[in-house]
C-alpha cells in the first residue's frame, strides 16, 4: 500500500479560493483580493446533506428506473432526472442550445452469421469455433495464413520480430514460453504473465495481432474455448443481443476462438511447433453482421469560470447500471447511484457560491457518463472521440464510483475512502488532496489500491482512467466492494448516508481548491506514465 506524503512547505489552499466576482460593481484590486482570500467554502459544503442525498437516491435507484441499463427505458429516465435537477438548480448545460445530453452512438453486438471453409471443408459456428469482435459485414479468402506461435508481443519477447502480418490472417496458440526450470520467458520468474492468463491472454493476443495490422486472428485455447462455447451458444439460441460497444463504422479485425481440432487443421504442428512461419491453406470466410444501433447519453452541466474559464475541472460519475436480469431489478444504489447524487449535491454547493458572488476561477464540468458497466463507453467517447472541451485544457478529473458503503476491511473504521490515482500523474494533486482532507473533512484516505499494478486493477476500472490515459490527473474516490456488488440487493436502504455526505463534501472541497488556486496543477509525471 502506498503511503501518503505530507509536504510541510505547502501553503494553506484557501488563499486563492473563490472569485473576484462580487455582488458590488467595484473593480478595486485590493477589495477583490481581500474578498477572495477571506472566502470560506464551508457554508457551501454544508449544503451537501445526507437527507438530500437520501431523498434523491431513493428515487434514482428505485425500481421505477429499472436498473438504468445502457440504452434502455430506465437509463432514459435517469438522464431526464439529471437534466431536470440541473434545470431546477439553474445550472446550464455544457452543450449548445442548452441541450444537456451528449449523444453517445453505440452498437449492440449480436454474434454474426458466419460461413467458413478450410481446405474445402465447412466448419460450423458454435461447434468448431466462436466469433467475436465484428460489428461489420466482411468476407475474405486466403491461400496462406501466418502462424505466430504464442502471439506474444512484449518488450523482452516477441513472436512478431521481423514478421509482417499487416492485412493477413494470423494463427495463435495458447500459453507462453518457459524453460525446463519453469522460468517464464516474459516475466523471468516462475510466475506466468498476462499472455497465459485466461481472458486476459485472449485480449492481449488479439490486441497484439490487431496492433500489427492483422485482418483476422484465429486463437486456439482449449480451456477458454470450452468456457466460452456454452455462452455463445445460449446467446444465439435466445436471440438476445451481445455486448454493447461504441459504434464503429470501419471494419474491425475479426477474432475466432477455435477448437483444438480446428486449430490442428489450420496447422497440424500447432501443439509442438512454436516457430512463426507461413502456413499454406485454402481459407474462405463470409461474415454477415447482425449488430443493432442504439444511442445513449452523457449528461453535462457547466459552471463557467470567472478568471480562467478555458481551464476545466471535471467531476464525474457513471449514470448507468445493470438493468433487469431474470425479472429482478439491479438498482445500483451504490454502483453508481451514490456517485451520481453526490455530483448533484456538489453542483448545488458550487451554485450557491456563484449566487453569492463567488464564481470559481476555473470552469466546472459536471459529467455523468453512460455505459460504464459496458466498458467505460461514455467516458471513452468523451475523451477519445468527442470531448466537449479540449483535453489539453482539462485540469483534472475527480471521479466518484461507489462511495456510499463500507467494505469488510473498514467495518470497525467507517470514516474512510479509498483514493486511487492521486499521485499517478501529478505530485501537486496528491498534496492538495491530502491537505484539503486534513483541513476540512479529516477522514482516512486509504491508498491500498493506489497502484497501477494492483491485481484488482481498480485504477483501470472506472471512468477516470479514460482521462488518466490522456495524461489528465485524476482522483478516483471509492468505498471498496461488498456483498451486494452487481447484485439486485444493491439498494438505497443499505447506503450509509452520513458517509456519503462526508465523501461528497471532500470532493467539493478538493474541486474548490483546484478551481481557485492561482496556478493550474502540473502533471509532472505525465511523460513517465505515457511511456510506461
Protein backbone atom coordinates (compact mmCIF):
# COMPACT_ATOMS: atom_id res chain seq x y z
CA UNK A 1 0.00 0.00 0.00
CA UNK A 2 1.36 3.38 -0.95
CA UNK A 3 1.72 5.80 1.92
CA UNK A 4 0.54 9.39 1.64
CA UNK A 5 3.11 12.21 1.64
CA UNK A 6 2.56 15.41 3.62
CA UNK A 7 4.61 18.26 2.30
CA UNK A 8 5.48 20.60 5.16
CA UNK A 9 6.11 23.58 2.93
CA UNK A 10 2.69 23.57 1.29
CA UNK A 11 0.81 26.77 1.98
CA UNK A 12 -2.80 26.65 3.01
CA UNK A 13 -5.03 26.36 -0.02
CA UNK A 14 -7.78 28.84 0.69
CA UNK A 15 -5.65 31.85 -0.24
CA UNK A 16 -6.89 31.55 -3.79
CA UNK A 17 -10.40 30.21 -3.21
CA UNK A 18 -13.44 31.91 -4.67
CA UNK A 19 -13.63 34.50 -7.39
CA UNK A 20 -13.06 38.18 -7.83
CA UNK A 21 -16.65 38.47 -8.89
CA UNK A 22 -18.61 40.17 -6.11
CA UNK A 23 -22.13 41.46 -5.80
CA UNK A 24 -20.81 45.02 -5.92
CA UNK A 25 -19.72 46.75 -9.08
CA UNK A 26 -16.31 47.74 -7.72
CA UNK A 27 -13.22 46.81 -9.67
CA UNK A 28 -10.76 47.57 -6.89
CA UNK A 29 -7.94 45.01 -6.92
CA UNK A 30 -7.42 45.45 -3.18
CA UNK A 31 -11.05 44.73 -2.37
CA UNK A 32 -11.21 41.80 -4.80
CA UNK A 33 -8.11 40.14 -3.36
CA UNK A 34 -9.39 40.57 0.17
CA UNK A 35 -12.74 39.07 -0.72
CA UNK A 36 -11.06 36.13 -2.47
CA UNK A 37 -8.69 35.50 0.43
CA UNK A 38 -11.46 35.58 3.01
CA UNK A 39 -13.85 33.19 1.26
CA UNK A 40 -14.68 30.19 3.43
CA UNK A 41 -16.15 27.31 1.37
CA UNK A 42 -17.59 25.61 4.46
CA UNK A 43 -21.06 27.22 4.23
CA UNK A 44 -21.37 25.89 0.71
CA UNK A 45 -20.12 22.43 1.62
CA UNK A 46 -22.72 22.20 4.37
CA UNK A 47 -25.45 22.35 1.72
CA UNK A 48 -24.37 18.80 0.88
CA UNK A 49 -26.58 16.85 3.26
CA UNK A 50 -27.36 13.23 3.94
CA UNK A 51 -31.08 13.95 3.85
CA UNK A 52 -30.97 15.37 0.31
CA UNK A 53 -28.66 12.60 -0.87
CA UNK A 54 -31.05 10.03 0.54
CA UNK A 55 -34.12 11.62 -0.99
CA UNK A 56 -32.53 11.69 -4.44
CA UNK A 57 -31.05 8.22 -4.27
CA UNK A 58 -34.33 6.59 -3.21
CA UNK A 59 -35.72 7.93 -6.48
CA UNK A 60 -32.70 7.40 -8.71
CA UNK A 61 -32.10 3.80 -7.57
CA UNK A 62 -35.78 2.87 -7.35
CA UNK A 63 -37.42 0.01 -9.24
CA UNK A 64 -39.09 2.65 -11.42
CA UNK A 65 -35.74 3.36 -13.08
CA UNK A 66 -35.38 -0.34 -13.97
CA UNK A 67 -31.69 -0.57 -13.15
CA UNK A 68 -30.65 2.11 -15.70
CA UNK A 69 -29.29 -0.33 -18.28
CA UNK A 70 -27.48 1.47 -21.08
CA UNK A 71 -29.87 2.45 -23.87
CA UNK A 72 -32.97 1.09 -22.13
CA UNK A 73 -36.03 2.90 -20.77
CA UNK A 74 -34.66 3.21 -17.24
CA UNK A 75 -31.46 4.85 -18.45
CA UNK A 76 -33.51 7.35 -20.45
CA UNK A 77 -35.49 8.14 -17.31
CA UNK A 78 -32.23 8.61 -15.43
CA UNK A 79 -30.83 11.22 -17.83
CA UNK A 80 -34.10 13.13 -17.79
CA UNK A 81 -33.99 13.09 -13.99
CA UNK A 82 -30.47 14.53 -14.00
CA UNK A 83 -31.36 17.18 -16.57
CA UNK A 84 -34.37 18.28 -14.53
CA UNK A 85 -32.19 18.61 -11.43
CA UNK A 86 -29.74 20.90 -13.20
CA UNK A 87 -32.53 22.97 -14.72
CA UNK A 88 -34.14 23.39 -11.29
CA UNK A 89 -30.79 24.48 -9.81
CA UNK A 90 -30.24 26.96 -12.61
CA UNK A 91 -27.00 25.33 -13.75
CA UNK A 92 -26.74 25.50 -17.54
CA UNK A 93 -25.72 22.81 -19.97
CA UNK A 94 -22.17 22.44 -21.24
CA UNK A 95 -23.56 21.95 -24.75
CA UNK A 96 -25.09 24.34 -27.29
CA UNK A 97 -28.79 25.16 -27.24
CA UNK A 98 -28.97 24.23 -23.57
CA UNK A 99 -29.03 20.56 -24.51
CA UNK A 100 -27.68 18.64 -21.53
CA UNK A 101 -27.34 15.38 -23.46
CA UNK A 102 -24.21 14.39 -25.34
CA UNK A 103 -25.38 11.58 -27.62
CA UNK A 104 -23.13 8.52 -27.48
CA UNK A 105 -23.62 6.27 -30.56
CA UNK A 106 -23.46 2.59 -29.62
CA UNK A 107 -23.96 -0.87 -31.05
CA UNK A 108 -25.50 -3.99 -29.55
CA UNK A 109 -23.25 -6.63 -30.96
CA UNK A 110 -25.05 -9.83 -31.80
CA UNK A 111 -22.98 -12.76 -32.90
CA UNK A 112 -22.73 -12.51 -36.71
CA UNK A 113 -23.68 -15.14 -39.22
CA UNK A 114 -20.51 -16.83 -40.43
CA UNK A 115 -19.80 -19.18 -43.32
CA UNK A 116 -16.30 -20.65 -43.08
CA UNK A 117 -14.50 -23.28 -45.11
CA UNK A 118 -10.96 -24.58 -44.75
CA UNK A 119 -9.33 -26.68 -47.46
CA UNK A 120 -12.76 -27.32 -48.91
CA UNK A 121 -14.34 -28.45 -45.63
CA UNK A 122 -17.06 -26.41 -43.92
CA UNK A 123 -16.85 -25.54 -40.23
CA UNK A 124 -19.77 -24.61 -38.01
CA UNK A 125 -20.04 -21.61 -35.74
CA UNK A 126 -20.63 -22.50 -32.06
CA UNK A 127 -19.40 -26.03 -32.70
CA UNK A 128 -15.94 -25.66 -34.21
CA UNK A 129 -15.38 -22.01 -33.36
CA UNK A 130 -16.91 -18.94 -31.75
CA UNK A 131 -16.52 -15.45 -33.17
CA UNK A 132 -16.40 -12.03 -31.58
CA UNK A 133 -15.15 -8.55 -32.36
CA UNK A 134 -17.03 -7.96 -35.60
CA UNK A 135 -19.81 -5.43 -35.96
CA UNK A 136 -19.44 -5.11 -39.71
CA UNK A 137 -20.04 -7.49 -42.57
CA UNK A 138 -16.93 -8.67 -44.40
CA UNK A 139 -15.62 -11.55 -46.46
CA UNK A 140 -12.17 -12.70 -47.44
CA UNK A 141 -10.22 -15.62 -48.84
CA UNK A 142 -6.61 -16.60 -48.29
CA UNK A 143 -4.13 -19.09 -49.75
CA UNK A 144 -1.92 -18.80 -46.70
CA UNK A 145 -2.01 -17.72 -43.08
CA UNK A 146 0.75 -16.55 -40.74
CA UNK A 147 1.37 -18.77 -37.74
CA UNK A 148 2.84 -16.58 -34.96
CA UNK A 149 3.37 -19.20 -32.28
CA UNK A 150 2.22 -17.85 -28.91
CA UNK A 151 1.33 -14.50 -30.46
CA UNK A 152 3.16 -12.55 -27.77
CA UNK A 153 4.45 -9.04 -28.39
CA UNK A 154 6.21 -7.71 -25.27
CA UNK A 155 9.31 -5.69 -24.53
CA UNK A 156 11.60 -8.63 -23.83
CA UNK A 157 9.99 -11.26 -26.08
CA UNK A 158 8.04 -11.01 -29.33
CA UNK A 159 6.79 -13.59 -31.78
CA UNK A 160 6.35 -10.78 -34.30
CA UNK A 161 10.03 -9.88 -34.68
CA UNK A 162 10.85 -9.48 -38.40
CA UNK A 163 7.34 -10.68 -39.24
CA UNK A 164 4.89 -8.72 -41.41
CA UNK A 165 1.25 -9.59 -40.72
CA UNK A 166 -0.39 -6.42 -42.00
CA UNK A 167 -3.59 -7.30 -43.84
CA UNK A 168 -3.03 -11.02 -43.23
CA UNK A 169 -4.69 -13.84 -41.32
CA UNK A 170 -2.92 -14.77 -38.09
CA UNK A 171 -2.98 -18.06 -36.17
CA UNK A 172 -2.03 -18.08 -32.47
CA UNK A 173 -1.61 -20.91 -29.97
CA UNK A 174 -2.34 -20.84 -26.24
CA UNK A 175 0.19 -20.34 -23.46
CA UNK A 176 3.62 -18.71 -23.28
CA UNK A 177 7.21 -19.96 -23.35
CA UNK A 178 9.13 -21.14 -20.29
CA UNK A 179 12.35 -23.11 -19.78
CA UNK A 180 12.90 -26.54 -18.25
CA UNK A 181 13.25 -24.99 -14.81
CA UNK A 182 9.78 -23.48 -15.08
CA UNK A 183 11.01 -19.91 -15.59
CA UNK A 184 8.69 -17.95 -17.87
CA UNK A 185 10.47 -16.01 -20.63
CA UNK A 186 8.29 -12.92 -20.36
CA UNK A 187 8.43 -12.46 -16.58
CA UNK A 188 11.80 -14.07 -15.86
CA UNK A 189 10.21 -15.78 -12.86
CA UNK A 190 8.07 -18.81 -12.07
CA UNK A 191 5.01 -16.55 -12.29
CA UNK A 192 3.10 -16.59 -15.58
CA UNK A 193 2.29 -13.31 -17.35
CA UNK A 194 -0.95 -11.94 -18.78
CA UNK A 195 -0.18 -13.84 -22.00
CA UNK A 196 -1.42 -17.09 -20.45
CA UNK A 197 -3.99 -15.74 -18.02
CA UNK A 198 -7.36 -16.83 -19.41
CA UNK A 199 -9.49 -13.99 -20.73
CA UNK A 200 -6.63 -11.53 -20.35
CA UNK A 201 -4.49 -13.75 -22.55
CA UNK A 202 -7.12 -13.77 -25.29
CA UNK A 203 -7.46 -10.00 -25.17
CA UNK A 204 -3.69 -9.43 -25.13
CA UNK A 205 -3.02 -11.77 -28.05
CA UNK A 206 -5.91 -10.37 -30.04
CA UNK A 207 -4.71 -6.80 -29.43
CA UNK A 208 -1.14 -7.69 -30.37
CA UNK A 209 -2.33 -9.03 -33.73
CA UNK A 210 -4.56 -6.01 -34.23
CA UNK A 211 -1.77 -3.57 -33.42
CA UNK A 212 0.39 -5.31 -36.02
CA UNK A 213 -2.31 -4.78 -38.64
CA UNK A 214 -3.78 -8.27 -38.95
CA UNK A 215 -7.07 -8.66 -40.83
CA UNK A 216 -8.27 -11.58 -38.67
CA UNK A 217 -6.91 -13.79 -35.93
CA UNK A 218 -7.56 -17.43 -35.06
CA UNK A 219 -6.83 -18.25 -31.40
CA UNK A 220 -6.55 -21.84 -30.24
CA UNK A 221 -7.03 -22.04 -26.47
CA UNK A 222 -8.77 -25.23 -25.38
CA UNK A 223 -9.66 -24.04 -21.89
CA UNK A 224 -11.17 -20.75 -22.99
CA UNK A 225 -12.96 -22.38 -25.92
CA UNK A 226 -14.68 -24.80 -23.54
CA UNK A 227 -15.59 -21.90 -21.28
CA UNK A 228 -16.92 -19.57 -23.99
CA UNK A 229 -18.75 -22.09 -26.17
CA UNK A 230 -21.86 -22.52 -23.93
CA UNK A 231 -22.18 -18.75 -23.54
CA UNK A 232 -22.11 -18.03 -27.28
CA UNK A 233 -24.48 -20.91 -27.96
CA UNK A 234 -27.03 -19.67 -25.45
CA UNK A 235 -26.82 -16.14 -26.86
CA UNK A 236 -27.61 -17.32 -30.35
CA UNK A 237 -30.39 -19.62 -29.18
CA UNK A 238 -32.06 -16.94 -27.07
CA UNK A 239 -31.71 -14.25 -29.73
CA UNK A 240 -30.51 -11.75 -27.12
CA UNK A 241 -28.02 -9.06 -28.02
CA UNK A 242 -24.43 -9.42 -27.00
CA UNK A 243 -22.11 -6.79 -25.59
CA UNK A 244 -22.61 -3.10 -26.20
CA UNK A 245 -19.76 -1.13 -27.71
CA UNK A 246 -19.12 2.26 -29.22
CA UNK A 247 -20.31 2.48 -32.82
CA UNK A 248 -17.57 1.64 -35.27
CA UNK A 249 -18.08 2.44 -38.93
CA UNK A 250 -14.80 0.90 -40.07
CA UNK A 251 -14.29 -2.86 -40.47
CA UNK A 252 -12.93 -4.44 -37.31
CA UNK A 253 -10.42 -7.19 -37.07
CA UNK A 254 -12.47 -10.32 -36.57
CA UNK A 255 -11.44 -12.85 -33.94
CA UNK A 256 -12.13 -16.58 -33.98
CA UNK A 257 -11.64 -18.75 -30.90
CA UNK A 258 -11.27 -22.27 -32.29
CA UNK A 259 -11.37 -25.83 -31.00
CA UNK A 260 -8.25 -27.97 -30.77
CA UNK A 261 -9.41 -29.98 -33.76
CA UNK A 262 -9.83 -26.91 -35.94
CA UNK A 263 -6.52 -25.48 -34.73
CA UNK A 264 -4.72 -28.64 -35.86
CA UNK A 265 -6.36 -28.44 -39.26
CA UNK A 266 -5.20 -24.85 -39.61
CA UNK A 267 -1.66 -26.00 -38.72
CA UNK A 268 -1.03 -29.67 -37.95
CA UNK A 269 2.03 -28.96 -35.77
CA UNK A 270 0.43 -26.25 -33.68
CA UNK A 271 0.92 -28.11 -30.39
CA UNK A 272 4.59 -28.92 -31.00
CA UNK A 273 5.94 -26.06 -33.08
CA UNK A 274 6.31 -22.54 -31.68
CA UNK A 275 8.31 -21.03 -34.54
CA UNK A 276 6.45 -18.33 -36.52
CA UNK A 277 6.02 -19.29 -40.17
CA UNK A 278 3.83 -19.09 -43.24
CA UNK A 279 1.27 -21.90 -43.49
CA UNK A 280 -0.31 -22.78 -46.85
CA UNK A 281 -4.07 -23.34 -46.70
CA UNK A 282 -7.30 -22.56 -48.51
CA UNK A 283 -9.47 -20.37 -46.30
CA UNK A 284 -12.78 -18.72 -47.13
CA UNK A 285 -14.75 -16.58 -44.65
CA UNK A 286 -18.04 -14.71 -45.06
CA UNK A 287 -19.30 -12.65 -42.11
CA UNK A 288 -22.76 -11.04 -42.02
CA UNK A 289 -23.23 -8.60 -39.17
CA UNK A 290 -26.42 -8.68 -37.08
CA UNK A 291 -25.48 -5.77 -34.80
CA UNK A 292 -28.09 -3.18 -33.81
CA UNK A 293 -27.57 0.57 -33.49
CA UNK A 294 -28.64 2.47 -30.41
CA UNK A 295 -27.95 5.81 -28.76
CA UNK A 296 -27.28 6.55 -25.12
CA UNK A 297 -26.40 9.85 -23.45
CA UNK A 298 -23.84 11.52 -21.26
CA UNK A 299 -25.25 14.37 -19.18
CA UNK A 300 -23.13 17.52 -18.97
CA UNK A 301 -23.80 20.62 -16.85
CA UNK A 302 -21.41 23.54 -16.54
CA UNK A 303 -20.39 26.47 -14.39
CA UNK A 304 -18.17 28.86 -16.33
CA UNK A 305 -15.09 30.12 -14.53
CA UNK A 306 -14.63 33.79 -13.77
CA UNK A 307 -10.90 34.21 -14.46
CA UNK A 308 -9.69 31.07 -16.24
CA UNK A 309 -12.84 29.82 -17.99
CA UNK A 310 -10.90 27.73 -20.51
CA UNK A 311 -9.37 25.59 -17.75
CA UNK A 312 -11.80 22.79 -16.90
CA UNK A 313 -12.28 20.85 -13.65
CA UNK A 314 -14.26 17.67 -14.40
CA UNK A 315 -16.33 16.00 -11.68
CA UNK A 316 -17.63 12.65 -12.96
CA UNK A 317 -19.67 9.57 -12.11
CA UNK A 318 -21.44 6.98 -14.22
CA UNK A 319 -25.20 7.12 -14.50
CA UNK A 320 -25.89 3.55 -15.70
CA UNK A 321 -26.16 0.16 -14.03
CA UNK A 322 -27.08 -3.45 -14.88
CA UNK A 323 -30.79 -3.11 -15.67
CA UNK A 324 -33.18 -6.03 -15.17
CA UNK A 325 -31.96 -9.62 -15.20
CA UNK A 326 -34.20 -12.66 -14.83
CA UNK A 327 -37.03 -10.40 -13.73
CA UNK A 328 -35.04 -8.73 -10.93
CA UNK A 329 -34.12 -5.05 -10.88
CA UNK A 330 -30.46 -4.33 -10.27
CA UNK A 331 -30.95 -0.96 -8.59
CA UNK A 332 -27.30 0.06 -8.38
CA UNK A 333 -27.71 2.31 -5.37
CA UNK A 334 -24.02 2.27 -4.53
CA UNK A 335 -22.84 1.45 -8.07
CA UNK A 336 -23.10 4.23 -9.03
CA UNK A 337 -26.21 5.93 -7.73
CA UNK A 338 -24.09 7.15 -4.83
CA UNK A 339 -21.61 8.97 -7.06
CA UNK A 340 -24.40 10.32 -9.26
CA UNK A 341 -26.37 12.02 -6.49
CA UNK A 342 -23.11 13.21 -4.92
CA UNK A 343 -22.34 15.17 -8.10
CA UNK A 344 -25.75 16.83 -7.90
CA UNK A 345 -25.05 17.95 -4.34
CA UNK A 346 -21.56 19.18 -5.23
CA UNK A 347 -23.07 21.13 -8.12
CA UNK A 348 -25.63 22.66 -5.80
CA UNK A 349 -22.85 23.78 -3.43
CA UNK A 350 -20.94 25.48 -6.25
CA UNK A 351 -24.14 27.13 -7.50
CA UNK A 352 -24.85 28.59 -4.06
CA UNK A 353 -21.35 30.10 -4.06
CA UNK A 354 -21.97 31.55 -7.52
CA UNK A 355 -25.29 33.03 -6.39
CA UNK A 356 -23.47 34.75 -3.53
CA UNK A 357 -20.91 36.25 -5.88
CA UNK A 358 -18.12 33.67 -5.65
CA UNK A 359 -17.83 32.12 -9.07
CA UNK A 360 -14.89 29.68 -9.23
CA UNK A 361 -11.87 30.93 -11.16
CA UNK A 362 -11.81 27.82 -13.35
CA UNK A 363 -14.81 26.22 -15.02
CA UNK A 364 -16.52 23.16 -13.53
CA UNK A 365 -17.93 20.40 -15.76
CA UNK A 366 -20.39 18.10 -14.00
CA UNK A 367 -20.20 15.00 -16.20
CA UNK A 368 -22.49 11.98 -15.80
CA UNK A 369 -21.31 9.29 -18.21
CA UNK A 370 -23.19 6.36 -19.66
CA UNK A 371 -22.07 2.82 -20.47
CA UNK A 372 -19.51 2.41 -17.69
CA UNK A 373 -20.79 -1.08 -16.99
CA UNK A 374 -20.33 -1.92 -20.67
CA UNK A 375 -16.66 -0.94 -20.77
CA UNK A 376 -16.29 2.74 -19.78
CA UNK A 377 -18.01 3.67 -23.03
CA UNK A 378 -19.42 7.12 -22.20
CA UNK A 379 -16.17 8.44 -20.78
CA UNK A 380 -14.19 6.89 -23.63
CA UNK A 381 -16.48 8.61 -26.14
CA UNK A 382 -15.92 11.89 -24.32
CA UNK A 383 -12.13 11.64 -24.13
CA UNK A 384 -11.23 9.73 -27.30
CA UNK A 385 -13.85 10.80 -29.81
CA UNK A 386 -15.82 13.92 -28.92
CA UNK A 387 -14.62 15.96 -25.92
CA UNK A 388 -16.87 18.92 -25.21
CA UNK A 389 -13.80 20.85 -24.08
CA UNK A 390 -10.25 20.29 -25.36
CA UNK A 391 -8.40 17.70 -23.32
CA UNK A 392 -5.34 19.94 -23.17
CA UNK A 393 -7.46 22.44 -21.22
CA UNK A 394 -8.76 19.82 -18.80
CA UNK A 395 -7.04 20.24 -15.45
CA UNK A 396 -8.26 17.19 -13.55
CA UNK A 397 -11.00 14.55 -13.29
CA UNK A 398 -12.45 13.82 -9.85
CA UNK A 399 -14.40 10.59 -10.30
CA UNK A 400 -16.82 9.03 -7.81
CA UNK A 401 -17.85 5.40 -8.26
CA UNK A 402 -19.33 3.60 -5.25
CA UNK A 403 -18.94 5.99 -2.32
CA UNK A 404 -21.95 5.10 -0.16
CA UNK A 405 -20.98 1.89 1.62
CA UNK A 406 -18.33 0.27 3.82
CA UNK A 407 -16.25 -2.76 2.83
CA UNK A 408 -15.29 -5.64 5.15
CA UNK A 409 -11.90 -4.13 5.92
CA UNK A 410 -13.46 -1.00 7.43
CA UNK A 411 -16.44 -2.37 9.33
CA UNK A 412 -14.94 -1.01 12.56
CA UNK A 413 -13.46 2.11 10.99
CA UNK A 414 -16.15 3.69 8.86
CA UNK A 415 -14.58 7.10 8.38
CA UNK A 416 -12.54 6.38 5.26
CA UNK A 417 -12.48 6.44 1.49
CA UNK A 418 -10.13 4.73 -0.95
CA UNK A 419 -8.09 7.17 -3.01
CA UNK A 420 -6.78 5.88 -6.32
CA UNK A 421 -4.67 7.74 -8.85
CA UNK A 422 -3.99 10.96 -6.94
CA UNK A 423 -0.20 10.68 -7.30
CA UNK A 424 -0.07 8.78 -10.59
CA UNK A 425 0.28 11.85 -12.80
CA UNK A 426 0.59 14.88 -10.52
CA UNK A 427 2.52 15.35 -7.29
CA UNK A 428 0.61 18.59 -6.68
CA UNK A 429 -2.77 16.88 -6.95
CA UNK A 430 -1.83 14.35 -4.30
CA UNK A 431 -0.61 17.09 -1.96
CA UNK A 432 -3.73 19.20 -2.48
CA UNK A 433 -5.93 16.17 -1.84
CA UNK A 434 -4.13 15.38 1.42
CA UNK A 435 -4.09 18.97 2.67
CA UNK A 436 -7.74 19.55 1.75
CA UNK A 437 -8.85 16.47 3.64
CA UNK A 438 -6.74 17.40 6.67
CA UNK A 439 -8.21 20.91 6.80
CA UNK A 440 -11.88 20.15 6.17
CA UNK A 441 -13.01 16.52 6.46
CA UNK A 442 -10.25 14.60 8.24
CA UNK A 443 -11.27 11.16 7.05
CA UNK A 444 -8.87 8.28 6.49
CA UNK A 445 -7.56 8.28 2.93
CA UNK A 446 -6.80 4.64 2.20
CA UNK A 447 -4.27 4.04 -0.59
CA UNK A 448 -4.46 0.24 -0.62
CA UNK A 449 -5.44 0.14 -4.29
CA UNK A 450 -3.46 3.16 -5.41
CA UNK A 451 -1.14 1.18 -7.61
CA UNK A 452 -1.30 0.58 -11.34
CA UNK A 453 -0.07 -2.97 -10.74
CA UNK A 454 -2.75 -3.75 -8.13
CA UNK A 455 -4.24 -7.17 -9.05
CA UNK A 456 -7.77 -5.74 -8.72
CA UNK A 457 -6.84 -3.18 -11.41
CA UNK A 458 -9.20 -0.56 -9.92
CA UNK A 459 -7.12 2.21 -11.49
CA UNK A 460 -8.28 0.91 -14.88
CA UNK A 461 -11.87 0.00 -13.99
CA UNK A 462 -13.77 3.26 -13.74
CA UNK A 463 -14.24 6.33 -15.88
CA UNK A 464 -11.30 8.33 -14.52
CA UNK A 465 -8.98 6.01 -16.44
CA UNK A 466 -10.03 7.41 -19.81
CA UNK A 467 -8.84 10.81 -18.59
CA UNK A 468 -5.67 9.40 -17.00
CA UNK A 469 -4.62 7.60 -20.17
CA UNK A 470 -4.69 11.02 -21.81
CA UNK A 471 -2.30 12.36 -19.15
CA UNK A 472 -5.01 14.25 -17.27
CA UNK A 473 -4.52 13.95 -13.47
CA UNK A 474 -7.28 12.07 -11.69
CA UNK A 475 -8.59 11.05 -8.31
CA UNK A 476 -10.89 8.05 -8.03
CA UNK A 477 -12.99 8.02 -4.84
CA UNK A 478 -14.20 4.51 -3.93
CA UNK A 479 -15.53 2.65 -0.89
CA UNK A 480 -14.44 -0.85 -1.93
CA UNK A 481 -16.53 -3.82 -2.89
CA UNK A 482 -19.21 -5.50 -0.78
CA UNK A 483 -21.56 -8.48 -0.87
CA UNK A 484 -24.19 -6.58 -2.88
CA UNK A 485 -21.84 -5.53 -5.68
CA UNK A 486 -23.55 -6.15 -9.05
CA UNK A 487 -26.48 -7.84 -7.38
CA UNK A 488 -30.16 -6.89 -7.13
CA UNK A 489 -29.56 -6.32 -3.41
CA UNK A 490 -27.56 -3.09 -4.03
CA UNK A 491 -30.47 -0.98 -2.78
CA UNK A 492 -30.81 2.54 -1.27
CA UNK A 493 -31.62 1.29 2.23
CA UNK A 494 -28.08 -0.06 2.58
CA UNK A 495 -26.34 3.23 1.85
CA UNK A 496 -24.67 4.91 4.84
CA UNK A 497 -25.75 8.44 4.08
CA UNK A 498 -23.59 10.18 6.67
CA UNK A 499 -20.53 8.71 4.96
CA UNK A 500 -21.86 9.62 1.54
CA UNK A 501 -22.27 13.19 2.76
CA UNK A 502 -18.71 13.40 4.10
CA UNK A 503 -17.16 11.90 0.99
CA UNK A 504 -19.14 14.20 -1.30
CA UNK A 505 -18.01 17.18 0.78
CA UNK A 506 -14.40 16.06 0.39
CA UNK A 507 -14.83 16.06 -3.39
CA UNK A 508 -16.39 19.53 -3.24
CA UNK A 509 -13.59 20.97 -1.11
CA UNK A 510 -10.96 19.40 -3.37
CA UNK A 511 -12.64 20.75 -6.51
CA UNK A 512 -12.98 24.16 -4.86
CA UNK A 513 -9.27 24.33 -4.14
CA UNK A 514 -8.28 23.09 -7.58
CA UNK A 515 -10.62 25.58 -9.24
CA UNK A 516 -9.47 28.59 -7.24
CA UNK A 517 -5.72 28.17 -6.73
CA UNK A 518 -3.54 30.69 -8.59
CA UNK A 519 -1.84 28.19 -10.90
CA UNK A 520 -3.10 25.13 -12.69
CA UNK A 521 -1.70 21.89 -11.26
CA UNK A 522 1.13 20.35 -13.23
CA UNK A 523 1.04 16.77 -14.48
CA UNK A 524 4.71 16.32 -13.62
CA UNK A 525 4.56 12.53 -14.07
CA UNK A 526 2.69 12.55 -17.37
CA UNK A 527 5.64 11.77 -19.63
CA UNK A 528 6.76 8.98 -17.33
CA UNK A 529 3.29 7.43 -17.28
CA UNK A 530 2.81 7.80 -21.02
CA UNK A 531 5.95 5.79 -21.74
CA UNK A 532 5.44 3.00 -19.18
